[in-house]
Amino acid sequence: MAQDIKANVRREFLVKRNSLAGHQIYGWSKIIQDNVINSSEFGTATIVGSYFPINSEVLTQNIIKAALDRKRVGLPKVVGGEIRFYEIAQAAWQNQLQLGKYGIKEPINCEDISELITLLIVPGTAFDMNGCRLGYGRGYYDRFISHLKQVGISVFIIGLAFDFQLIQESTLPCTPQDERMDMIITDRRIIKGIKSNS
């Protein structure tokens, strides 16, 4: 039942997001990225894990550039059915990526820094006010975050979304396998103080 609800919500919000014009994605993403860069959580982070956007996802290139100025940065790559984060260097960082699984640009010939990440920035199709996240149905980020917790690594998790992707009520069907966000940042607001799953 929960999976059916998730599938319907995912479909609904992807249709909305995919209908955005390029200037909307760019403009709203700039606001979101500025909010991330200006946050204390970003300021104190030493190693940032971020996604590289595809299709209509919130853009992250400005976040990555800002982080590379003074931090270590890792981008995800699917390895053996799981995601791992590999460090990219500041110089010509986009040249260190190539198209991988699902048409997502992934790092090549880079060092795995997955267990060193202190701030993780994740995409989603929808979020709710309790920090529940609806991804794409493959569970990559949930399993990755769960793995970090199991090995005793504390990581702060920020979900990025356009404001219409944030459901006002706590209506997303969160299961024990669904990892919650510590913060959600949209183009209109910042939701803080969300407790992650223990």
C-alpha atoms as a PDB file:
ATOM      1  CA  MET A   1       0.000   0.000   0.000  1.00  0.00           C
ATOM      2  CA  ALA A   2       2.775   2.444   0.982  1.00  0.00           C
ATOM      3  CA  GLN A   3       4.639   1.623  -2.226  1.00  0.00           C
ATOM      4  CA  ASP A   4       1.537   2.381  -4.304  1.00  0.00           C
ATOM      5  CA  ILE A   5       1.097   5.745  -2.572  1.00  0.00           C
ATOM      6  CA  LYS A   6       4.779   6.543  -3.080  1.00  0.00           C
ATOM      7  CA  ALA A   7       4.571   5.642  -6.778  1.00  0.00           C
ATOM      8  CA  ASN A   8       1.538   7.882  -7.295  1.00  0.00           C
ATOM      9  CA  VAL A   9       3.071  10.836  -5.422  1.00  0.00           C
ATOM     10  CA  ARG A  10       6.378  10.375  -7.236  1.00  0.00           C
ATOM     11  CA  ARG A  11       4.643  10.396 -10.606  1.00  0.00           C
ATOM     12  CA  GLU A  12       2.577  13.478  -9.716  1.00  0.00           C
ATOM     13  CA  PHE A  13       5.533  15.558  -8.549  1.00  0.00           C
ATOM     14  CA  LEU A  14       7.841  14.495 -11.369  1.00  0.00           C
ATOM     15  CA  VAL A  15       5.229  15.637 -13.899  1.00  0.00           C
ATOM     16  CA  LYS A  16       5.072  19.021 -12.139  1.00  0.00           C
ATOM     17  CA  ARG A  17       8.828  19.364 -11.886  1.00  0.00           C
ATOM     18  CA  ASN A  18       9.448  18.273 -15.468  1.00  0.00           C
ATOM     19  CA  SER A  19       7.008  20.938 -16.681  1.00  0.00           C
ATOM     20  CA  LEU A  20       9.200  23.765 -15.328  1.00  0.00           C
ATOM     21  CA  ALA A  21      10.754  26.163 -17.819  1.00  0.00           C
ATOM     22  CA  GLY A  22      14.533  26.439 -17.925  1.00  0.00           C
ATOM     23  CA  HIS A  23      14.526  29.954 -16.495  1.00  0.00           C
ATOM     24  CA  GLN A  24      12.429  28.767 -13.523  1.00  0.00           C
ATOM     25  CA  ILE A  25      14.834  25.927 -12.759  1.00  0.00           C
ATOM     26  CA  TYR A  26      17.825  28.260 -13.051  1.00  0.00           C
ATOM     27  CA  GLY A  27      16.337  31.131 -11.041  1.00  0.00           C
ATOM     28  CA  TRP A  28      14.872  29.055  -8.218  1.00  0.00           C
ATOM     29  CA  SER A  29      17.996  26.883  -8.075  1.00  0.00           C
ATOM     30  CA  LYS A  30      20.164  29.981  -7.623  1.00  0.00           C
ATOM     31  CA  ILE A  31      18.128  31.008  -4.566  1.00  0.00           C
ATOM     32  CA  ILE A  32      18.343  27.485  -3.127  1.00  0.00           C
ATOM     33  CA  GLN A  33      22.082  27.224  -3.756  1.00  0.00           C
ATOM     34  CA  ASP A  34      22.715  30.638  -2.160  1.00  0.00           C
ATOM     35  CA  ASN A  35      20.750  29.489   0.897  1.00  0.00           C
ATOM     36  CA  VAL A  36      22.904  26.376   1.148  1.00  0.00           C
ATOM     37  CA  ILE A  37      26.176  28.267   0.705  1.00  0.00           C
ATOM     38  CA  ASN A  38      25.182  30.857   3.315  1.00  0.00           C
ATOM     39  CA  SER A  39      24.075  28.268   5.893  1.00  0.00           C
ATOM     40  CA  SER A  40      26.169  27.627   8.991  1.00  0.00           C
ATOM     41  CA  GLU A  41      26.020  23.893   8.231  1.00  0.00           C
ATOM     42  CA  PHE A  42      27.760  24.458   4.910  1.00  0.00           C
ATOM     43  CA  GLY A  43      30.208  26.865   6.489  1.00  0.00           C
ATOM     44  CA  THR A  44      31.397  24.395   9.109  1.00  0.00           C
ATOM     45  CA  ALA A  45      31.407  21.307   6.875  1.00  0.00           C
ATOM     46  CA  THR A  46      34.825  20.014   5.878  1.00  0.00           C
ATOM     47  CA  ILE A  47      33.835  17.358   3.351  1.00  0.00           C
ATOM     48  CA  VAL A  48      30.699  17.786   1.245  1.00  0.00           C
ATOM     49  CA  GLY A  49      28.864  15.082  -0.655  1.00  0.00           C
ATOM     50  CA  SER A  50      26.604  16.475  -3.375  1.00  0.00           C
ATOM     51  CA  TYR A  51      24.680  15.156  -6.342  1.00  0.00           C
ATOM     52  CA  PHE A  52      25.206  16.313  -9.928  1.00  0.00           C
ATOM     53  CA  PRO A  53      21.777  17.369 -11.277  1.00  0.00           C
ATOM     54  CA  ILE A  54      19.930  15.734 -14.136  1.00  0.00           C
ATOM     55  CA  ASN A  55      16.742  16.706 -15.946  1.00  0.00           C
ATOM     56  CA  SER A  56      14.672  19.080 -13.778  1.00  0.00           C
ATOM     57  CA  GLU A  57      16.486  18.585 -10.451  1.00  0.00           C
ATOM     58  CA  VAL A  58      17.588  21.569  -8.378  1.00  0.00           C
ATOM     59  CA  LEU A  59      20.947  22.669  -9.770  1.00  0.00           C
ATOM     60  CA  THR A  60      24.018  22.193  -7.574  1.00  0.00           C
ATOM     61  CA  GLN A  61      26.914  23.485  -9.683  1.00  0.00           C
ATOM     62  CA  ASN A  62      27.256  26.697  -7.627  1.00  0.00           C
ATOM     63  CA  ILE A  63      27.337  24.690  -4.390  1.00  0.00           C
ATOM     64  CA  ILE A  64      30.014  22.409  -5.792  1.00  0.00           C
ATOM     65  CA  LYS A  65      32.121  25.357  -6.988  1.00  0.00           C
ATOM     66  CA  ALA A  66      31.824  27.158  -3.639  1.00  0.00           C
ATOM     67  CA  ALA A  67      32.706  24.012  -1.723  1.00  0.00           C
ATOM     68  CA  LEU A  68      35.753  23.325  -3.899  1.00  0.00           C
ATOM     69  CA  ASP A  69      37.203  26.706  -2.899  1.00  0.00           C
ATOM     70  CA  ARG A  70      37.811  25.560   0.678  1.00  0.00           C
ATOM     71  CA  LYS A  71      36.525  22.020   1.211  1.00  0.00           C
ATOM     72  CA  ARG A  72      36.802  18.504  -0.140  1.00  0.00           C
ATOM     73  CA  VAL A  73      33.911  17.482  -2.373  1.00  0.00           C
ATOM     74  CA  GLY A  74      32.580  14.095  -3.395  1.00  0.00           C
ATOM     75  CA  LEU A  75      30.051  13.223  -6.106  1.00  0.00           C
ATOM     76  CA  PRO A  76      28.137   9.941  -6.304  1.00  0.00           C
ATOM     77  CA  LYS A  77      28.805   6.962  -8.504  1.00  0.00           C
ATOM     78  CA  VAL A  78      26.833   3.715  -8.644  1.00  0.00           C
ATOM     79  CA  VAL A  79      29.153   0.832  -7.752  1.00  0.00           C
ATOM     80  CA  GLY A  80      27.856  -2.694  -7.331  1.00  0.00           C
ATOM     81  CA  GLY A  81      24.274  -1.548  -6.930  1.00  0.00           C
ATOM     82  CA  GLU A  82      25.091   1.108  -4.298  1.00  0.00           C
ATOM     83  CA  ILE A  83      26.231   4.715  -4.414  1.00  0.00           C
ATOM     84  CA  ARG A  84      29.669   5.757  -3.279  1.00  0.00           C
ATOM     85  CA  PHE A  85      31.113   9.273  -3.248  1.00  0.00           C
ATOM     86  CA  TYR A  86      34.361  10.061  -5.054  1.00  0.00           C
ATOM     87  CA  GLU A  87      36.443  13.178  -4.575  1.00  0.00           C
ATOM     88  CA  ILE A  88      36.729  15.665  -7.411  1.00  0.00           C
ATOM     89  CA  ALA A  89      39.556  18.174  -7.736  1.00  0.00           C
ATOM     90  CA  GLN A  90      39.007  21.911  -8.099  1.00  0.00           C
ATOM     91  CA  ALA A  91      40.714  22.317 -11.471  1.00  0.00           C
ATOM     92  CA  ALA A  92      38.374  21.555 -14.402  1.00  0.00           C
ATOM     93  CA  TRP A  93      36.174  19.458 -12.129  1.00  0.00           C
ATOM     94  CA  GLN A  94      33.471  18.828 -14.723  1.00  0.00           C
ATOM     95  CA  ASN A  95      36.093  17.172 -16.943  1.00  0.00           C
ATOM     96  CA  GLN A  96      36.461  14.530 -14.212  1.00  0.00           C
ATOM     97  CA  LEU A  97      32.920  13.283 -14.882  1.00  0.00           C
ATOM     98  CA  GLN A  98      31.474  10.935 -17.446  1.00  0.00           C
ATOM     99  CA  LEU A  99      27.986   9.625 -18.131  1.00  0.00           C
ATOM    100  CA  GLY A 100      27.224   6.616 -15.948  1.00  0.00           C
ATOM    101  CA  LYS A 101      24.167   4.662 -14.912  1.00  0.00           C
ATOM    102  CA  TYR A 102      20.795   6.328 -15.554  1.00  0.00           C
ATOM    103  CA  GLY A 103      22.536   9.014 -17.635  1.00  0.00           C
ATOM    104  CA  ILE A 104      23.991  10.721 -14.556  1.00  0.00           C
ATOM    105  CA  LYS A 105      27.468  12.230 -14.734  1.00  0.00           C
ATOM    106  CA  GLU A 106      29.792  10.326 -12.391  1.00  0.00           C
ATOM    107  CA  PRO A 107      33.399  10.839 -11.239  1.00  0.00           C
ATOM    108  CA  ILE A 108      36.149   8.803 -12.910  1.00  0.00           C
ATOM    109  CA  ASN A 109      39.585   7.882 -11.548  1.00  0.00           C
ATOM    110  CA  CYS A 110      38.853   9.572  -8.210  1.00  0.00           C
ATOM    111  CA  GLU A 111      39.340   8.630  -4.546  1.00  0.00           C
ATOM    112  CA  ASP A 112      36.440   7.149  -2.562  1.00  0.00           C
ATOM    113  CA  ILE A 113      35.705   9.501   0.367  1.00  0.00           C
ATOM    114  CA  SER A 114      32.260   8.140   1.248  1.00  0.00           C
ATOM    115  CA  GLU A 115      32.986   7.553   4.929  1.00  0.00           C
ATOM    116  CA  LEU A 116      34.544  11.017   5.359  1.00  0.00           C
ATOM    117  CA  ILE A 117      31.522  13.116   4.357  1.00  0.00           C
ATOM    118  CA  THR A 118      30.235  15.540   7.012  1.00  0.00           C
ATOM    119  CA  LEU A 119      27.523  17.248   4.918  1.00  0.00           C
ATOM    120  CA  LEU A 120      25.368  15.387   2.411  1.00  0.00           C
ATOM    121  CA  ILE A 121      23.170  17.201  -0.124  1.00  0.00           C
ATOM    122  CA  VAL A 122      20.444  15.086  -1.717  1.00  0.00           C
ATOM    123  CA  PRO A 123      17.759  15.490  -4.394  1.00  0.00           C
ATOM    124  CA  GLY A 124      14.208  14.194  -4.208  1.00  0.00           C
ATOM    125  CA  THR A 125      10.846  14.172  -5.927  1.00  0.00           C
ATOM    126  CA  ALA A 126       8.942  15.307  -2.807  1.00  0.00           C
ATOM    127  CA  PHE A 127       9.515  16.042   0.887  1.00  0.00           C
ATOM    128  CA  ASP A 128       7.237  16.613   3.860  1.00  0.00           C
ATOM    129  CA  MET A 129       7.481  18.824   6.936  1.00  0.00           C
ATOM    130  CA  ASN A 130       8.791  15.944   9.077  1.00  0.00           C
ATOM    131  CA  GLY A 131      11.835  15.517   6.857  1.00  0.00           C
ATOM    132  CA  CYS A 132      10.565  12.490   4.967  1.00  0.00           C
ATOM    133  CA  ARG A 133      11.977  12.274   1.465  1.00  0.00           C
ATOM    134  CA  LEU A 134      10.591  10.607  -1.611  1.00  0.00           C
ATOM    135  CA  GLY A 135      13.346   9.700  -4.052  1.00  0.00           C
ATOM    136  CA  TYR A 136      13.190   7.804  -7.306  1.00  0.00           C
ATOM    137  CA  GLY A 137      12.326   4.433  -5.825  1.00  0.00           C
ATOM    138  CA  ARG A 138      15.726   2.755  -5.943  1.00  0.00           C
ATOM    139  CA  GLY A 139      16.736   3.429  -2.322  1.00  0.00           C
ATOM    140  CA  TYR A 140      20.334   4.455  -3.073  1.00  0.00           C
ATOM    141  CA  TYR A 141      20.476   7.415  -0.691  1.00  0.00           C
ATOM    142  CA  ASP A 142      18.509   5.666   2.068  1.00  0.00           C
ATOM    143  CA  ARG A 143      20.901   2.730   2.039  1.00  0.00           C
ATOM    144  CA  PHE A 144      23.943   4.994   1.888  1.00  0.00           C
ATOM    145  CA  ILE A 145      22.812   7.104   4.855  1.00  0.00           C
ATOM    146  CA  SER A 146      21.877   3.970   6.801  1.00  0.00           C
ATOM    147  CA  HIS A 147      25.349   2.573   6.118  1.00  0.00           C
ATOM    148  CA  LEU A 148      27.014   5.715   7.490  1.00  0.00           C
ATOM    149  CA  LYS A 149      24.942   5.471  10.663  1.00  0.00           C
ATOM    150  CA  GLN A 150      25.777   1.782  11.070  1.00  0.00           C
ATOM    151  CA  VAL A 151      29.500   2.513  10.981  1.00  0.00           C
ATOM    152  CA  GLY A 152      29.119   5.386  13.438  1.00  0.00           C
ATOM    153  CA  ILE A 153      29.531   8.313  11.064  1.00  0.00           C
ATOM    154  CA  SER A 154      27.612  11.498  11.846  1.00  0.00           C
ATOM    155  CA  VAL A 155      26.529  13.307   8.702  1.00  0.00           C
ATOM    156  CA  PHE A 156      24.206  16.309   8.335  1.00  0.00           C
ATOM    157  CA  ILE A 157      21.691  15.805   5.514  1.00  0.00           C
ATOM    158  CA  ILE A 158      20.136  18.604   3.479  1.00  0.00           C
ATOM    159  CA  GLY A 159      17.369  17.911   0.970  1.00  0.00           C
ATOM    160  CA  LEU A 160      16.993  20.347  -1.926  1.00  0.00           C
ATOM    161  CA  ALA A 161      13.622  21.009  -3.541  1.00  0.00           C
ATOM    162  CA  PHE A 162      11.575  23.590  -5.342  1.00  0.00           C
ATOM    163  CA  ASP A 163       8.970  24.881  -2.937  1.00  0.00           C
ATOM    164  CA  PHE A 164       6.040  23.083  -4.571  1.00  0.00           C
ATOM    165  CA  GLN A 165       7.800  19.780  -3.836  1.00  0.00           C
ATOM    166  CA  LEU A 166       7.427  20.382  -0.094  1.00  0.00           C
ATOM    167  CA  ILE A 167       4.154  18.891   1.123  1.00  0.00           C
ATOM    168  CA  GLN A 168       2.677  20.957   3.942  1.00  0.00           C
ATOM    169  CA  GLU A 169       1.275  18.048   5.875  1.00  0.00           C
ATOM    170  CA  SER A 170       3.279  15.040   7.045  1.00  0.00           C
ATOM    171  CA  THR A 171       1.632  12.833   4.458  1.00  0.00           C
ATOM    172  CA  LEU A 172       4.519  10.953   2.859  1.00  0.00           C
ATOM    173  CA  PRO A 173       4.448   7.294   3.942  1.00  0.00           C
ATOM    174  CA  CYS A 174       7.812   7.060   5.742  1.00  0.00           C
ATOM    175  CA  THR A 175       8.969   3.512   6.532  1.00  0.00           C
ATOM    176  CA  PRO A 176      11.842   2.577   8.873  1.00  0.00           C
ATOM    177  CA  GLN A 177      14.031   2.253   5.763  1.00  0.00           C
ATOM    178  CA  ASP A 178      13.361   5.864   4.735  1.00  0.00           C
ATOM    179  CA  GLU A 179      16.015   8.203   6.108  1.00  0.00           C
ATOM    180  CA  ARG A 180      14.848  11.660   7.159  1.00  0.00           C
ATOM    181  CA  MET A 181      16.483  14.962   6.318  1.00  0.00           C
ATOM    182  CA  ASP A 182      18.042  17.213   8.955  1.00  0.00           C
ATOM    183  CA  MET A 183      17.135  20.250   6.859  1.00  0.00           C
ATOM    184  CA  ILE A 184      15.143  20.997   3.717  1.00  0.00           C
ATOM    185  CA  ILE A 185      15.969  24.045   1.609  1.00  0.00           C
ATOM    186  CA  THR A 186      13.615  25.393  -1.063  1.00  0.00           C
ATOM    187  CA  ASP A 187      13.474  28.640  -3.012  1.00  0.00           C
ATOM    188  CA  ARG A 188      11.083  30.072  -0.413  1.00  0.00           C
ATOM    189  CA  ARG A 189      12.027  28.629   2.954  1.00  0.00           C
ATOM    190  CA  ILE A 190      14.460  26.687   5.074  1.00  0.00           C
ATOM    191  CA  ILE A 191      13.073  23.953   7.293  1.00  0.00           C
ATOM    192  CA  LYS A 192      15.435  23.354  10.214  1.00  0.00           C
ATOM    193  CA  GLY A 193      15.337  21.310  13.375  1.00  0.00           C
ATOM    194  CA  ILE A 194      14.131  18.132  11.748  1.00  0.00           C
ATOM    195  CA  LYS A 195      15.268  15.085  13.646  1.00  0.00           C
ATOM    196  CA  SER A 196      16.788  12.255  11.640  1.00  0.00           C
ATOM    197  CA  ASN A 197      15.967   8.638  12.282  1.00  0.00           C
ATOM    198  CA  SER A 198      18.008   7.181  15.132  1.00  0.00           C
END
